[in-house]
PDB file of N, CA and C in Angstrom:
ATOM      1  N   MET A   1      -3.090 -42.961 -54.843  1.00  0.00           N
ATOM      2  CA  MET A   1      -4.058 -41.934 -54.522  1.00  0.00           C
ATOM      3  C   MET A   1      -3.983 -41.651 -53.026  1.00  0.00           C
ATOM      4  N   SER A   2      -3.902 -40.379 -52.655  1.00  0.00           N
ATOM      5  CA  SER A   2      -3.795 -40.028 -51.245  1.00  0.00           C
ATOM      6  C   SER A   2      -5.169 -39.731 -50.650  1.00  0.00           C
ATOM      7  N   THR A   3      -5.253 -39.939 -49.344  1.00  0.00           N
ATOM      8  CA  THR A   3      -6.494 -39.676 -48.624  1.00  0.00           C
ATOM      9  C   THR A   3      -6.578 -38.190 -48.307  1.00  0.00           C
ATOM     10  N   PRO A   4      -7.725 -37.535 -48.509  1.00  0.00           N
ATOM     11  CA  PRO A   4      -7.848 -36.115 -48.185  1.00  0.00           C
ATOM     12  C   PRO A   4      -7.646 -35.882 -46.681  1.00  0.00           C
ATOM     13  N   ILE A   5      -7.073 -34.748 -46.364  1.00  0.00           N
ATOM     14  CA  ILE A   5      -6.853 -34.384 -44.964  1.00  0.00           C
ATOM     15  C   ILE A   5      -8.199 -34.076 -44.320  1.00  0.00           C
ATOM     16  N   GLN A   6      -8.399 -34.583 -43.112  1.00  0.00           N
ATOM     17  CA  GLN A   6      -9.617 -34.318 -42.344  1.00  0.00           C
ATOM     18  C   GLN A   6      -9.327 -33.210 -41.340  1.00  0.00           C
ATOM     19  N   TRP A   7      -9.812 -32.019 -41.598  1.00  0.00           N
ATOM     20  CA  TRP A   7      -9.571 -30.870 -40.734  1.00  0.00           C
ATOM     21  C   TRP A   7     -10.518 -30.892 -39.546  1.00  0.00           C
ATOM     22  N   ARG A   8      -9.996 -30.470 -38.375  1.00  0.00           N
ATOM     23  CA  ARG A   8     -10.798 -30.398 -37.147  1.00  0.00           C
ATOM     24  C   ARG A   8     -10.732 -28.982 -36.604  1.00  0.00           C
ATOM     25  N   LYS A   9     -11.882 -28.468 -36.234  1.00  0.00           N
ATOM     26  CA  LYS A   9     -11.980 -27.122 -35.680  1.00  0.00           C
ATOM     27  C   LYS A   9     -12.199 -27.226 -34.178  1.00  0.00           C
ATOM     28  N   SER A  10     -11.627 -26.294 -33.457  1.00  0.00           N
ATOM     29  CA  SER A  10     -11.778 -26.267 -32.004  1.00  0.00           C
ATOM     30  C   SER A  10     -13.235 -26.079 -31.609  1.00  0.00           C
ATOM     31  N   SER A  11     -13.608 -26.666 -30.483  1.00  0.00           N
ATOM     32  CA  SER A  11     -14.957 -26.441 -29.950  1.00  0.00           C
ATOM     33  C   SER A  11     -15.080 -25.026 -29.389  1.00  0.00           C
ATOM     34  N   CYS A  12     -13.968 -24.327 -29.251  1.00  0.00           N
ATOM     35  CA  CYS A  12     -13.955 -22.924 -28.781  1.00  0.00           C
ATOM     36  C   CYS A  12     -13.757 -22.006 -29.973  1.00  0.00           C
ATOM     37  N   SER A  13     -14.557 -22.172 -30.996  1.00  0.00           N
ATOM     38  CA  SER A  13     -14.372 -21.463 -32.260  1.00  0.00           C
ATOM     39  C   SER A  13     -14.857 -20.021 -32.250  1.00  0.00           C
ATOM     40  N   GLY A  14     -15.459 -19.592 -31.196  1.00  0.00           N
ATOM     41  CA  GLY A  14     -15.959 -18.223 -31.156  1.00  0.00           C
ATOM     42  C   GLY A  14     -17.418 -18.169 -31.567  1.00  0.00           C
ATOM     43  N   GLY A  15     -17.979 -16.985 -31.475  1.00  0.00           N
ATOM     44  CA  GLY A  15     -19.398 -16.805 -31.793  1.00  0.00           C
ATOM     45  C   GLY A  15     -19.647 -16.676 -33.282  1.00  0.00           C
ATOM     46  N   GLY A  16     -20.825 -16.237 -33.614  1.00  0.00           N
ATOM     47  CA  GLY A  16     -21.202 -16.052 -35.016  1.00  0.00           C
ATOM     48  C   GLY A  16     -21.220 -17.366 -35.755  1.00  0.00           C
ATOM     49  N   GLU A  17     -20.538 -17.405 -36.878  1.00  0.00           N
ATOM     50  CA  GLU A  17     -20.497 -18.611 -37.691  1.00  0.00           C
ATOM     51  C   GLU A  17     -19.461 -19.618 -37.186  1.00  0.00           C
ATOM     52  N   GLY A  18     -18.743 -19.267 -36.125  1.00  0.00           N
ATOM     53  CA  GLY A  18     -17.773 -20.188 -35.559  1.00  0.00           C
ATOM     54  C   GLY A  18     -16.549 -20.399 -36.410  1.00  0.00           C
ATOM     55  N   ASN A  19     -16.144 -19.365 -37.165  1.00  0.00           N
ATOM     56  CA  ASN A  19     -14.994 -19.538 -38.047  1.00  0.00           C
ATOM     57  C   ASN A  19     -13.787 -18.709 -37.612  1.00  0.00           C
ATOM     58  N   ALA A  20     -13.773 -18.240 -36.384  1.00  0.00           N
ATOM     59  CA  ALA A  20     -12.681 -17.402 -35.899  1.00  0.00           C
ATOM     60  C   ALA A  20     -11.670 -18.242 -35.130  1.00  0.00           C
ATOM     61  N   CYS A  21     -11.053 -19.190 -35.786  1.00  0.00           N
ATOM     62  CA  CYS A  21     -10.071 -20.031 -35.110  1.00  0.00           C
ATOM     63  C   CYS A  21      -9.167 -20.692 -36.135  1.00  0.00           C
ATOM     64  N   VAL A  22      -8.307 -21.537 -35.624  1.00  0.00           N
ATOM     65  CA  VAL A  22      -7.478 -22.347 -36.502  1.00  0.00           C
ATOM     66  C   VAL A  22      -8.057 -23.752 -36.572  1.00  0.00           C
ATOM     67  N   GLU A  23      -7.680 -24.446 -37.605  1.00  0.00           N
ATOM     68  CA  GLU A  23      -8.058 -25.840 -37.765  1.00  0.00           C
ATOM     69  C   GLU A  23      -6.776 -26.660 -37.815  1.00  0.00           C
ATOM     70  N   VAL A  24      -6.842 -27.878 -37.327  1.00  0.00           N
ATOM     71  CA  VAL A  24      -5.679 -28.760 -37.343  1.00  0.00           C
ATOM     72  C   VAL A  24      -6.053 -30.077 -38.011  1.00  0.00           C
ATOM     73  N   ALA A  25      -5.044 -30.735 -38.545  1.00  0.00           N
ATOM     74  CA  ALA A  25      -5.256 -32.026 -39.199  1.00  0.00           C
ATOM     75  C   ALA A  25      -3.994 -32.858 -39.096  1.00  0.00           C
ATOM     76  N   LEU A  26      -4.171 -34.163 -38.979  1.00  0.00           N
ATOM     77  CA  LEU A  26      -3.047 -35.076 -39.011  1.00  0.00           C
ATOM     78  C   LEU A  26      -2.685 -35.320 -40.468  1.00  0.00           C
ATOM     79  N   ASP A  27      -1.466 -34.980 -40.816  1.00  0.00           N
ATOM     80  CA  ASP A  27      -0.933 -35.222 -42.158  1.00  0.00           C
ATOM     81  C   ASP A  27       0.376 -35.979 -41.953  1.00  0.00           C
ATOM     82  N   HIS A  28       0.223 -37.241 -41.532  1.00  0.00           N
ATOM     83  CA  HIS A  28       1.329 -38.069 -41.039  1.00  0.00           C
ATOM     84  C   HIS A  28       2.586 -37.905 -41.877  1.00  0.00           C
ATOM     85  N   PRO A  29       3.720 -37.632 -41.265  1.00  0.00           N
ATOM     86  CA  PRO A  29       4.037 -37.585 -39.838  1.00  0.00           C
ATOM     87  C   PRO A  29       3.989 -36.165 -39.264  1.00  0.00           C
ATOM     88  N   HIS A  30       3.197 -35.314 -39.827  1.00  0.00           N
ATOM     89  CA  HIS A  30       3.117 -33.926 -39.379  1.00  0.00           C
ATOM     90  C   HIS A  30       1.709 -33.576 -38.912  1.00  0.00           C
ATOM     91  N   ILE A  31       1.622 -32.419 -38.252  1.00  0.00           N
ATOM     92  CA  ILE A  31       0.339 -31.815 -37.926  1.00  0.00           C
ATOM     93  C   ILE A  31       0.237 -30.560 -38.785  1.00  0.00           C
ATOM     94  N   ALA A  32      -0.847 -30.418 -39.504  1.00  0.00           N
ATOM     95  CA  ALA A  32      -1.076 -29.254 -40.360  1.00  0.00           C
ATOM     96  C   ALA A  32      -2.009 -28.293 -39.630  1.00  0.00           C
ATOM     97  N   VAL A  33      -1.754 -26.990 -39.809  1.00  0.00           N
ATOM     98  CA  VAL A  33      -2.539 -25.944 -39.155  1.00  0.00           C
ATOM     99  C   VAL A  33      -2.903 -24.910 -40.216  1.00  0.00           C
ATOM    100  N   ARG A  34      -4.175 -24.480 -40.206  1.00  0.00           N
ATOM    101  CA  ARG A  34      -4.600 -23.443 -41.149  1.00  0.00           C
ATOM    102  C   ARG A  34      -5.605 -22.512 -40.481  1.00  0.00           C
ATOM    103  N   ASP A  35      -5.794 -21.350 -41.069  1.00  0.00           N
ATOM    104  CA  ASP A  35      -6.760 -20.366 -40.593  1.00  0.00           C
ATOM    105  C   ASP A  35      -8.133 -20.758 -41.129  1.00  0.00           C
ATOM    106  N   SER A  36      -9.102 -20.927 -40.239  1.00  0.00           N
ATOM    107  CA  SER A  36     -10.426 -21.373 -40.678  1.00  0.00           C
ATOM    108  C   SER A  36     -11.149 -20.334 -41.527  1.00  0.00           C
ATOM    109  N   LYS A  37     -10.762 -19.065 -41.410  1.00  0.00           N
ATOM    110  CA  LYS A  37     -11.404 -18.014 -42.213  1.00  0.00           C
ATOM    111  C   LYS A  37     -10.920 -18.011 -43.658  1.00  0.00           C
ATOM    112  N   THR A  38      -9.697 -18.494 -43.874  1.00  0.00           N
ATOM    113  CA  THR A  38      -9.123 -18.539 -45.221  1.00  0.00           C
ATOM    114  C   THR A  38      -8.459 -19.899 -45.451  1.00  0.00           C
ATOM    115  N   PRO A  39      -9.254 -20.954 -45.545  1.00  0.00           N
ATOM    116  CA  PRO A  39      -8.701 -22.312 -45.613  1.00  0.00           C
ATOM    117  C   PRO A  39      -7.899 -22.624 -46.877  1.00  0.00           C
ATOM    118  N   THR A  40      -8.036 -21.830 -47.920  1.00  0.00           N
ATOM    119  CA  THR A  40      -7.292 -22.115 -49.142  1.00  0.00           C
ATOM    120  C   THR A  40      -5.926 -21.439 -49.164  1.00  0.00           C
ATOM    121  N   ARG A  41      -5.630 -20.641 -48.154  1.00  0.00           N
ATOM    122  CA  ARG A  41      -4.321 -19.982 -48.088  1.00  0.00           C
ATOM    123  C   ARG A  41      -3.293 -20.914 -47.462  1.00  0.00           C
ATOM    124  N   ALA A  42      -2.206 -20.372 -47.042  1.00  0.00           N
ATOM    125  CA  ALA A  42      -1.064 -21.149 -46.547  1.00  0.00           C
ATOM    126  C   ALA A  42      -1.421 -22.068 -45.381  1.00  0.00           C
ATOM    127  N   VAL A  43      -0.771 -23.203 -45.363  1.00  0.00           N
ATOM    128  CA  VAL A  43      -0.908 -24.187 -44.290  1.00  0.00           C
ATOM    129  C   VAL A  43       0.464 -24.332 -43.639  1.00  0.00           C
ATOM    130  N   LEU A  44       0.495 -24.277 -42.320  1.00  0.00           N
ATOM    131  CA  LEU A  44       1.732 -24.531 -41.587  1.00  0.00           C
ATOM    132  C   LEU A  44       1.773 -26.004 -41.227  1.00  0.00           C
ATOM    133  N   THR A  45       2.950 -26.609 -41.308  1.00  0.00           N
ATOM    134  CA  THR A  45       3.086 -27.999 -40.883  1.00  0.00           C
ATOM    135  C   THR A  45       4.186 -28.085 -39.827  1.00  0.00           C
ATOM    136  N   PHE A  46       3.933 -28.917 -38.832  1.00  0.00           N
ATOM    137  CA  PHE A  46       4.867 -29.126 -37.739  1.00  0.00           C
ATOM    138  C   PHE A  46       5.100 -30.622 -37.579  1.00  0.00           C
ATOM    139  N   PRO A  47       6.343 -31.033 -37.286  1.00  0.00           N
ATOM    140  CA  PRO A  47       6.527 -32.425 -36.881  1.00  0.00           C
ATOM    141  C   PRO A  47       5.667 -32.669 -35.635  1.00  0.00           C
ATOM    142  N   THR A  48       5.095 -33.835 -35.509  1.00  0.00           N
ATOM    143  CA  THR A  48       4.167 -34.113 -34.415  1.00  0.00           C
ATOM    144  C   THR A  48       4.739 -33.779 -33.041  1.00  0.00           C
ATOM    145  N   PRO A  49       5.993 -34.148 -32.710  1.00  0.00           N
ATOM    146  CA  PRO A  49       6.514 -33.791 -31.379  1.00  0.00           C
ATOM    147  C   PRO A  49       6.616 -32.274 -31.168  1.00  0.00           C
ATOM    148  N   ALA A  50       6.971 -31.532 -32.205  1.00  0.00           N
ATOM    149  CA  ALA A  50       7.067 -30.080 -32.082  1.00  0.00           C
ATOM    150  C   ALA A  50       5.685 -29.468 -31.863  1.00  0.00           C
ATOM    151  N   PHE A  51       4.676 -29.991 -32.546  1.00  0.00           N
ATOM    152  CA  PHE A  51       3.323 -29.475 -32.353  1.00  0.00           C
ATOM    153  C   PHE A  51       2.836 -29.762 -30.940  1.00  0.00           C
ATOM    154  N   ALA A  52       3.161 -30.942 -30.415  1.00  0.00           N
ATOM    155  CA  ALA A  52       2.761 -31.283 -29.046  1.00  0.00           C
ATOM    156  C   ALA A  52       3.381 -30.310 -28.049  1.00  0.00           C
ATOM    157  N   THR A  53       4.641 -29.952 -28.257  1.00  0.00           N
ATOM    158  CA  THR A  53       5.307 -28.982 -27.383  1.00  0.00           C
ATOM    159  C   THR A  53       4.638 -27.620 -27.505  1.00  0.00           C
ATOM    160  N   LEU A  54       4.345 -27.182 -28.722  1.00  0.00           N
ATOM    161  CA  LEU A  54       3.663 -25.904 -28.937  1.00  0.00           C
ATOM    162  C   LEU A  54       2.292 -25.906 -28.272  1.00  0.00           C
ATOM    163  N   PHE A  55       1.553 -26.973 -28.422  1.00  0.00           N
ATOM    164  CA  PHE A  55       0.203 -27.080 -27.852  1.00  0.00           C
ATOM    165  C   PHE A  55       0.255 -26.977 -26.327  1.00  0.00           C
ATOM    166  N   ARG A  56       1.177 -27.700 -25.713  1.00  0.00           N
ATOM    167  CA  ARG A  56       1.312 -27.628 -24.247  1.00  0.00           C
ATOM    168  C   ARG A  56       1.678 -26.219 -23.804  1.00  0.00           C
ATOM    169  N   ALA A  57       2.557 -25.553 -24.535  1.00  0.00           N
ATOM    170  CA  ALA A  57       2.952 -24.183 -24.187  1.00  0.00           C
ATOM    171  C   ALA A  57       1.762 -23.234 -24.292  1.00  0.00           C
ATOM    172  N   LEU A  58       0.936 -23.400 -25.325  1.00  0.00           N
ATOM    173  CA  LEU A  58      -0.242 -22.538 -25.480  1.00  0.00           C
ATOM    174  C   LEU A  58      -1.275 -22.791 -24.385  1.00  0.00           C
ATOM    175  N   GLN A  59      -1.406 -24.040 -23.956  1.00  0.00           N
ATOM    176  CA  GLN A  59      -2.343 -24.353 -22.879  1.00  0.00           C
ATOM    177  C   GLN A  59      -1.919 -23.701 -21.566  1.00  0.00           C
ATOM    178  N   ALA A  60      -0.624 -23.502 -21.390  1.00  0.00           N
ATOM    179  CA  ALA A  60      -0.109 -22.930 -20.142  1.00  0.00           C
ATOM    180  C   ALA A  60      -0.290 -21.420 -20.070  1.00  0.00           C
ATOM    181  N   VAL A  61      -0.628 -20.793 -21.195  1.00  0.00           N
ATOM    182  CA  VAL A  61      -0.786 -19.324 -21.231  1.00  0.00           C
ATOM    183  C   VAL A  61      -2.091 -18.913 -20.603  1.00  0.00           C
TER     184      VAL A  61
END
């Protein structure tokens, strides 16, 4: 039996209901990313090192 993924939403989720962002989760050995407005749709997965590189690049923007 697998453990359910624990999704985390950014503290910068936007106004209103706070659902205008992406959510991330550790799905070892990957990081999963989904749209918080449509959580049942497609999920992107990245190897952890690739996600770290993407995250650093986005922070630099």
